[in-house]
C-alpha atoms as a PDB file:
ATOM      1  CA  MET A   1     -62.000  70.824   3.132  1.00  0.00           C
ATOM      2  CA  TYR A   2     -61.063  73.954   5.459  1.00  0.00           C
ATOM      3  CA  PHE A   3     -59.210  76.869   4.904  1.00  0.00           C
ATOM      4  CA  LEU A   4     -57.799  79.057   7.521  1.00  0.00           C
ATOM      5  CA  SER A   5     -57.920  82.546   8.481  1.00  0.00           C
ATOM      6  CA  ARG A   6     -56.224  84.991  10.417  1.00  0.00           C
ATOM      7  CA  GLU A   7     -58.135  83.653  13.240  1.00  0.00           C
ATOM      8  CA  LEU A   8     -55.696  81.287  15.478  1.00  0.00           C
ATOM      9  CA  TYR A   9     -57.346  78.197  15.185  1.00  0.00           C
ATOM     10  CA  PHE A  10     -57.602  74.672  14.203  1.00  0.00           C
ATOM     11  CA  PRO A  11     -60.508  72.430  13.359  1.00  0.00           C
ATOM     12  CA  PRO A  12     -60.022  68.862  15.288  1.00  0.00           C
ATOM     13  CA  ALA A  13     -57.823  66.343  13.925  1.00  0.00           C
ATOM     14  CA  LYS A  14     -60.352  63.658  14.295  1.00  0.00           C
ATOM     15  CA  ASN A  15     -61.810  65.761  11.179  1.00  0.00           C
ATOM     16  CA  ALA A  16     -58.969  65.322   8.921  1.00  0.00           C
ATOM     17  CA  SER A  17     -59.744  64.073   5.097  1.00  0.00           C
ATOM     18  CA  PRO A  18     -58.637  60.337   4.632  1.00  0.00           C
ATOM     19  CA  GLU A  19     -55.440  60.397   3.684  1.00  0.00           C
ATOM     20  CA  GLY A  20     -54.893  63.015   7.488  1.00  0.00           C
ATOM     21  CA  ILE A  21     -55.247  66.676   5.899  1.00  0.00           C
ATOM     22  CA  VAL A  22     -56.862  68.813   8.556  1.00  0.00           C
ATOM     23  CA  ALA A  23     -56.589  71.845   7.013  1.00  0.00           C
ATOM     24  CA  ILE A  24     -54.882  74.656   4.107  1.00  0.00           C
ATOM     25  CA  GLY A  25     -53.763  77.559   4.440  1.00  0.00           C
ATOM     26  CA  GLY A  26     -52.855  79.849   7.429  1.00  0.00           C
ATOM     27  CA  ASP A  27     -49.430  80.803   8.482  1.00  0.00           C
ATOM     28  CA  LEU A  28     -46.011  79.220   9.942  1.00  0.00           C
ATOM     29  CA  SER A  29     -46.349  81.592  12.937  1.00  0.00           C
ATOM     30  CA  PRO A  30     -44.925  80.280  16.436  1.00  0.00           C
ATOM     31  CA  GLU A  31     -47.937  80.719  17.827  1.00  0.00           C
ATOM     32  CA  ARG A  32     -49.965  78.655  15.020  1.00  0.00           C
ATOM     33  CA  LEU A  33     -47.254  76.128  14.959  1.00  0.00           C
ATOM     34  CA  ILE A  34     -47.320  75.330  18.628  1.00  0.00           C
ATOM     35  CA  LEU A  35     -51.255  75.234  18.406  1.00  0.00           C
ATOM     36  CA  ALA A  36     -50.484  73.009  15.686  1.00  0.00           C
ATOM     37  CA  TYR A  37     -48.768  70.176  17.232  1.00  0.00           C
ATOM     38  CA  ARG A  38     -50.471  70.242  20.892  1.00  0.00           C
ATOM     39  CA  ASN A  39     -53.459  69.408  18.625  1.00  0.00           C
ATOM     40  CA  GLY A  40     -51.031  66.648  17.205  1.00  0.00           C
ATOM     41  CA  ILE A  41     -51.399  68.878  13.366  1.00  0.00           C
ATOM     42  CA  PHE A  42     -48.177  69.274  11.712  1.00  0.00           C
ATOM     43  CA  PRO A  43     -47.387  71.096   8.618  1.00  0.00           C
ATOM     44  CA  TRP A  44     -45.953  69.103   5.244  1.00  0.00           C
ATOM     45  CA  PHE A  45     -46.358  70.554   1.784  1.00  0.00           C
ATOM     46  CA  GLU A  46     -44.122  71.266  -1.173  1.00  0.00           C
ATOM     47  CA  ASP A  47     -42.336  74.622  -2.187  1.00  0.00           C
ATOM     48  CA  ASP A  48     -45.071  75.428  -4.779  1.00  0.00           C
ATOM     49  CA  GLU A  49     -48.143  74.693  -2.510  1.00  0.00           C
ATOM     50  CA  PRO A  50     -50.385  75.767  -0.262  1.00  0.00           C
ATOM     51  CA  ILE A  51     -49.264  75.278   3.575  1.00  0.00           C
ATOM     52  CA  LEU A  52     -50.876  71.644   4.063  1.00  0.00           C
ATOM     53  CA  TRP A  53     -51.605  70.887   7.860  1.00  0.00           C
ATOM     54  CA  TRP A  54     -51.546  67.118   8.538  1.00  0.00           C
ATOM     55  CA  SER A  55     -52.879  64.566  10.964  1.00  0.00           C
ATOM     56  CA  PRO A  56     -52.369  61.118   9.865  1.00  0.00           C
ATOM     57  CA  PRO A  57     -55.084  58.405  10.442  1.00  0.00           C
ATOM     58  CA  GLU A  58     -51.926  56.261  11.451  1.00  0.00           C
ATOM     59  CA  ARG A  59     -49.346  57.595  13.196  1.00  0.00           C
ATOM     60  CA  MET A  60     -45.970  56.665  13.883  1.00  0.00           C
ATOM     61  CA  VAL A  61     -44.423  56.556  17.480  1.00  0.00           C
ATOM     62  CA  LEU A  62     -41.833  55.025  19.498  1.00  0.00           C
ATOM     63  CA  PHE A  63     -42.726  54.096  22.996  1.00  0.00           C
ATOM     64  CA  PHE A  64     -39.567  53.717  24.760  1.00  0.00           C
ATOM     65  CA  ASN A  65     -39.287  50.958  26.095  1.00  0.00           C
ATOM     66  CA  ASP A  66     -39.648  49.048  22.502  1.00  0.00           C
ATOM     67  CA  LEU A  67     -36.806  50.932  21.449  1.00  0.00           C
ATOM     68  CA  LYS A  68     -34.647  48.406  19.370  1.00  0.00           C
ATOM     69  CA  VAL A  69     -30.780  48.367  19.638  1.00  0.00           C
ATOM     70  CA  SER A  70     -29.331  45.897  17.355  1.00  0.00           C
ATOM     71  CA  LYS A  71     -26.025  43.928  18.475  1.00  0.00           C
ATOM     72  CA  SER A  72     -23.622  45.997  16.046  1.00  0.00           C
ATOM     73  CA  MET A  73     -25.231  48.861  16.723  1.00  0.00           C
ATOM     74  CA  ARG A  74     -23.924  48.920  20.666  1.00  0.00           C
ATOM     75  CA  ASN A  75     -20.727  48.305  19.375  1.00  0.00           C
ATOM     76  CA  ILE A  76     -20.567  51.456  17.487  1.00  0.00           C
ATOM     77  CA  LEU A  77     -21.846  52.617  20.354  1.00  0.00           C
ATOM     78  CA  ASN A  78     -19.252  51.252  22.612  1.00  0.00           C
ATOM     79  CA  ARG A  79     -16.683  52.165  20.510  1.00  0.00           C
ATOM     80  CA  GLY A  80     -16.615  56.267  20.854  1.00  0.00           C
ATOM     81  CA  ILE A  81     -16.174  57.136  17.292  1.00  0.00           C
ATOM     82  CA  PHE A  82     -19.329  59.485  17.453  1.00  0.00           C
ATOM     83  CA  LYS A  83     -19.783  61.871  19.976  1.00  0.00           C
ATOM     84  CA  VAL A  84     -23.673  63.104  20.863  1.00  0.00           C
ATOM     85  CA  THR A  85     -24.871  67.167  21.564  1.00  0.00           C
ATOM     86  CA  PHE A  86     -28.092  68.006  22.179  1.00  0.00           C
ATOM     87  CA  ASN A  87     -29.391  71.421  21.147  1.00  0.00           C
ATOM     88  CA  THR A  88     -26.053  72.350  20.338  1.00  0.00           C
ATOM     89  CA  ALA A  89     -26.392  73.481  16.736  1.00  0.00           C
ATOM     90  CA  PHE A  90     -29.927  73.926  15.365  1.00  0.00           C
ATOM     91  CA  SER A  91     -29.751  75.538  12.078  1.00  0.00           C
ATOM     92  CA  GLU A  92     -26.930  73.462  10.570  1.00  0.00           C
ATOM     93  CA  VAL A  93     -28.973  70.113  11.553  1.00  0.00           C
ATOM     94  CA  ILE A  94     -32.308  71.797   9.633  1.00  0.00           C
ATOM     95  CA  ALA A  95     -30.352  73.314   6.738  1.00  0.00           C
ATOM     96  CA  ASN A  96     -28.620  69.235   6.628  1.00  0.00           C
ATOM     97  CA  CYS A  97     -31.743  67.744   7.054  1.00  0.00           C
ATOM     98  CA  ARG A  98     -33.018  70.285   4.260  1.00  0.00           C
ATOM     99  CA  SER A  99     -29.836  69.910   1.619  1.00  0.00           C
ATOM    100  CA  ILE A 100     -29.308  65.910   2.383  1.00  0.00           C
ATOM    101  CA  LYS A 101     -30.295  63.974  -0.999  1.00  0.00           C
ATOM    102  CA  ARG A 102     -33.323  60.882  -0.167  1.00  0.00           C
ATOM    103  CA  ASP A 103     -33.676  57.916  -2.283  1.00  0.00           C
ATOM    104  CA  GLY A 104     -37.027  58.564  -4.449  1.00  0.00           C
ATOM    105  CA  GLN A 105     -37.427  61.955  -3.023  1.00  0.00           C
ATOM    106  CA  PRO A 106     -36.837  64.746  -6.088  1.00  0.00           C
ATOM    107  CA  GLY A 107     -36.696  67.142  -3.879  1.00  0.00           C
ATOM    108  CA  THR A 108     -37.194  68.713   0.265  1.00  0.00           C
ATOM    109  CA  TRP A 109     -40.396  69.925   1.618  1.00  0.00           C
ATOM    110  CA  ILE A 110     -38.293  72.022   3.887  1.00  0.00           C
ATOM    111  CA  THR A 111     -38.483  75.185   2.124  1.00  0.00           C
ATOM    112  CA  PRO A 112     -37.067  78.084   2.730  1.00  0.00           C
ATOM    113  CA  ASP A 113     -40.088  79.259   5.005  1.00  0.00           C
ATOM    114  CA  MET A 114     -40.108  76.106   7.131  1.00  0.00           C
ATOM    115  CA  VAL A 115     -36.448  76.772   7.882  1.00  0.00           C
ATOM    116  CA  ALA A 116     -37.278  79.857   8.871  1.00  0.00           C
ATOM    117  CA  ALA A 117     -40.261  78.955  11.147  1.00  0.00           C
ATOM    118  CA  TYR A 118     -38.552  76.203  13.170  1.00  0.00           C
ATOM    119  CA  CYS A 119     -35.353  78.464  13.280  1.00  0.00           C
ATOM    120  CA  ARG A 120     -37.991  81.564  15.299  1.00  0.00           C
ATOM    121  CA  LEU A 121     -39.003  78.126  17.573  1.00  0.00           C
ATOM    122  CA  HIS A 122     -35.623  76.915  18.582  1.00  0.00           C
ATOM    123  CA  GLU A 123     -35.239  80.611  19.378  1.00  0.00           C
ATOM    124  CA  LEU A 124     -38.028  80.247  21.616  1.00  0.00           C
ATOM    125  CA  GLY A 125     -36.840  76.825  23.291  1.00  0.00           C
ATOM    126  CA  ILE A 126     -39.028  74.652  21.619  1.00  0.00           C
ATOM    127  CA  ALA A 127     -37.653  73.393  18.577  1.00  0.00           C
ATOM    128  CA  LYS A 128     -34.609  71.577  19.306  1.00  0.00           C
ATOM    129  CA  SER A 129     -31.948  69.597  17.527  1.00  0.00           C
ATOM    130  CA  VAL A 130     -29.794  66.371  18.276  1.00  0.00           C
ATOM    131  CA  GLU A 131     -26.120  66.409  16.555  1.00  0.00           C
ATOM    132  CA  VAL A 132     -23.580  63.727  15.883  1.00  0.00           C
ATOM    133  CA  TRP A 133     -20.499  64.267  15.493  1.00  0.00           C
ATOM    134  CA  LYS A 134     -17.323  62.581  14.132  1.00  0.00           C
ATOM    135  CA  ASP A 135     -13.680  64.235  14.227  1.00  0.00           C
ATOM    136  CA  ASP A 136     -15.475  67.322  14.998  1.00  0.00           C
ATOM    137  CA  GLU A 137     -17.150  67.503  11.710  1.00  0.00           C
ATOM    138  CA  LEU A 138     -21.532  67.046  11.800  1.00  0.00           C
ATOM    139  CA  VAL A 139     -22.018  63.981   9.948  1.00  0.00           C
ATOM    140  CA  GLY A 140     -25.904  63.268  11.194  1.00  0.00           C
ATOM    141  CA  GLY A 141     -28.845  65.020  13.588  1.00  0.00           C
ATOM    142  CA  LEU A 142     -31.922  65.613  13.655  1.00  0.00           C
ATOM    143  CA  TYR A 143     -34.662  68.323  14.910  1.00  0.00           C
ATOM    144  CA  GLY A 144     -38.019  68.819  16.183  1.00  0.00           C
ATOM    145  CA  VAL A 145     -40.655  70.092  18.557  1.00  0.00           C
ATOM    146  CA  ASP A 146     -40.804  69.507  21.843  1.00  0.00           C
ATOM    147  CA  LEU A 147     -44.098  69.968  24.070  1.00  0.00           C
ATOM    148  CA  GLY A 148     -42.711  68.960  27.598  1.00  0.00           C
ATOM    149  CA  HIS A 149     -44.054  65.678  27.259  1.00  0.00           C
ATOM    150  CA  VAL A 150     -43.948  64.097  23.863  1.00  0.00           C
ATOM    151  CA  PHE A 151     -40.840  65.487  21.541  1.00  0.00           C
ATOM    152  CA  CYS A 152     -42.400  65.716  17.803  1.00  0.00           C
ATOM    153  CA  GLY A 153     -39.715  64.535  15.509  1.00  0.00           C
ATOM    154  CA  GLU A 154     -39.752  66.387  12.348  1.00  0.00           C
ATOM    155  CA  SER A 155     -36.609  65.241   9.975  1.00  0.00           C
ATOM    156  CA  MET A 156     -33.083  63.297  10.430  1.00  0.00           C
ATOM    157  CA  PHE A 157     -30.008  63.517   7.823  1.00  0.00           C
ATOM    158  CA  SER A 158     -26.781  60.957   7.820  1.00  0.00           C
ATOM    159  CA  LYS A 159     -23.657  61.623   6.020  1.00  0.00           C
ATOM    160  CA  VAL A 160     -21.993  58.619   7.056  1.00  0.00           C
ATOM    161  CA  SER A 161     -23.750  54.952   7.901  1.00  0.00           C
ATOM    162  CA  ASN A 162     -25.751  55.056  11.444  1.00  0.00           C
ATOM    163  CA  ALA A 163     -25.588  58.586  12.020  1.00  0.00           C
ATOM    164  CA  SER A 164     -29.142  59.494  11.769  1.00  0.00           C
ATOM    165  CA  LYS A 165     -30.045  56.161  14.065  1.00  0.00           C
ATOM    166  CA  ILE A 166     -27.486  57.348  16.923  1.00  0.00           C
ATOM    167  CA  ALA A 167     -29.065  60.491  17.135  1.00  0.00           C
ATOM    168  CA  PHE A 168     -32.549  58.904  17.281  1.00  0.00           C
ATOM    169  CA  ILE A 169     -31.077  56.208  20.194  1.00  0.00           C
ATOM    170  CA  ALA A 170     -29.210  59.305  22.053  1.00  0.00           C
ATOM    171  CA  LEU A 171     -33.156  61.332  21.873  1.00  0.00           C
ATOM    172  CA  ALA A 172     -34.865  58.113  22.593  1.00  0.00           C
ATOM    173  CA  LYS A 173     -33.106  57.696  25.790  1.00  0.00           C
ATOM    174  CA  GLN A 174     -32.798  61.227  27.110  1.00  0.00           C
ATOM    175  CA  LEU A 175     -36.626  61.405  26.450  1.00  0.00           C
ATOM    176  CA  GLN A 176     -37.152  58.782  28.658  1.00  0.00           C
ATOM    177  CA  LEU A 177     -35.191  59.455  31.404  1.00  0.00           C
ATOM    178  CA  ALA A 178     -37.095  62.503  31.470  1.00  0.00           C
ATOM    179  CA  ASN A 179     -40.480  60.508  32.089  1.00  0.00           C
ATOM    180  CA  TYR A 180     -41.660  61.639  28.383  1.00  0.00           C
ATOM    181  CA  ARG A 181     -44.865  59.829  27.390  1.00  0.00           C
ATOM    182  CA  LEU A 182     -43.272  58.764  23.413  1.00  0.00           C
ATOM    183  CA  LEU A 183     -41.434  59.886  20.710  1.00  0.00           C
ATOM    184  CA  ASP A 184     -43.907  61.201  17.724  1.00  0.00           C
ATOM    185  CA  CYS A 185     -42.136  60.089  14.322  1.00  0.00           C
ATOM    186  CA  GLN A 186     -45.451  61.164  12.574  1.00  0.00           C
ATOM    187  CA  VAL A 187     -45.536  58.775   9.174  1.00  0.00           C
ATOM    188  CA  HIS A 188     -44.075  55.368   8.557  1.00  0.00           C
ATOM    189  CA  ASN A 189     -40.664  54.376   7.276  1.00  0.00           C
ATOM    190  CA  ASP A 190     -38.717  51.284   7.521  1.00  0.00           C
ATOM    191  CA  HIS A 191     -35.807  53.388   8.970  1.00  0.00           C
ATOM    192  CA  LEU A 192     -37.991  54.088  12.041  1.00  0.00           C
ATOM    193  CA  GLU A 193     -39.791  51.180  12.047  1.00  0.00           C
ATOM    194  CA  SER A 194     -36.281  48.903  12.754  1.00  0.00           C
ATOM    195  CA  LEU A 195     -35.747  51.209  15.613  1.00  0.00           C
ATOM    196  CA  GLY A 196     -39.018  49.957  17.301  1.00  0.00           C
ATOM    197  CA  ALA A 197     -41.320  52.988  16.371  1.00  0.00           C
ATOM    198  CA  ARG A 198     -45.080  51.434  15.254  1.00  0.00           C
ATOM    199  CA  GLU A 199     -48.148  52.905  14.165  1.00  0.00           C
ATOM    200  CA  ILE A 200     -50.969  53.668  16.370  1.00  0.00           C
ATOM    201  CA  ASP A 201     -54.436  55.065  15.631  1.00  0.00           C
ATOM    202  CA  ARG A 202     -54.798  59.099  15.697  1.00  0.00           C
ATOM    203  CA  GLU A 203     -57.632  58.498  18.600  1.00  0.00           C
ATOM    204  CA  ASP A 204     -54.746  57.154  20.483  1.00  0.00           C
ATOM    205  CA  PHE A 205     -51.932  59.429  19.636  1.00  0.00           C
ATOM    206  CA  LEU A 206     -54.389  61.892  20.567  1.00  0.00           C
ATOM    207  CA  GLU A 207     -55.534  61.026  23.700  1.00  0.00           C
ATOM    208  CA  THR A 208     -51.476  60.438  24.755  1.00  0.00           C
ATOM    209  CA  LEU A 209     -51.000  63.971  23.685  1.00  0.00           C
ATOM    210  CA  ASN A 210     -53.742  65.899  25.048  1.00  0.00           C
ATOM    211  CA  PHE A 211     -53.288  64.076  28.718  1.00  0.00           C
ATOM    212  CA  SER A 212     -51.078  66.757  29.784  1.00  0.00           C
ATOM    213  CA  TYR A 213     -53.500  69.162  28.972  1.00  0.00           C
ATOM    214  CA  ARG A 214     -56.317  68.414  30.551  1.00  0.00           C
END
């Protein structure tokens, strides 16, 4: 296992452990986070653990032509019950992602240090959010890291039914219009699969990610 020093460096993601851990330690500085995401790596750890840096062997992604919007969801969108905004309430979104109760999860990996780190990235224009409002109340949203050609989703929340799906669909459509290559969803879950996301090999993800850095 590779232990990070103060040097701004990550070993290649392809050298990750079988479960996907690339390195341990380091810090959550903007410079290190940006380097990590540009190399297909993201932090994911519990509050009582050292920082763990991941690049799973299978990456959950959305190719925009695969986006699934059900008939019932189209009806909800057409009714205009919800309002969607972009990058207007980042701190509120990440706070809700941190505090929302999730089935099968006793706590959250979004530690106070993680909140502070991504808020710094937001101030730099790199971390961004999508907000879903109903009657002027924030009821859903998501946030992630914008690399300019790939958006790396980090977390989403929903206080009412379908709110996180609306945020995801709105983001996917905006990214497609801006000619992004894909929406990175990191790891599999059934919610994302129902919206059209699927797993691809790490090597394929890294090839897409590195396309604009050659």
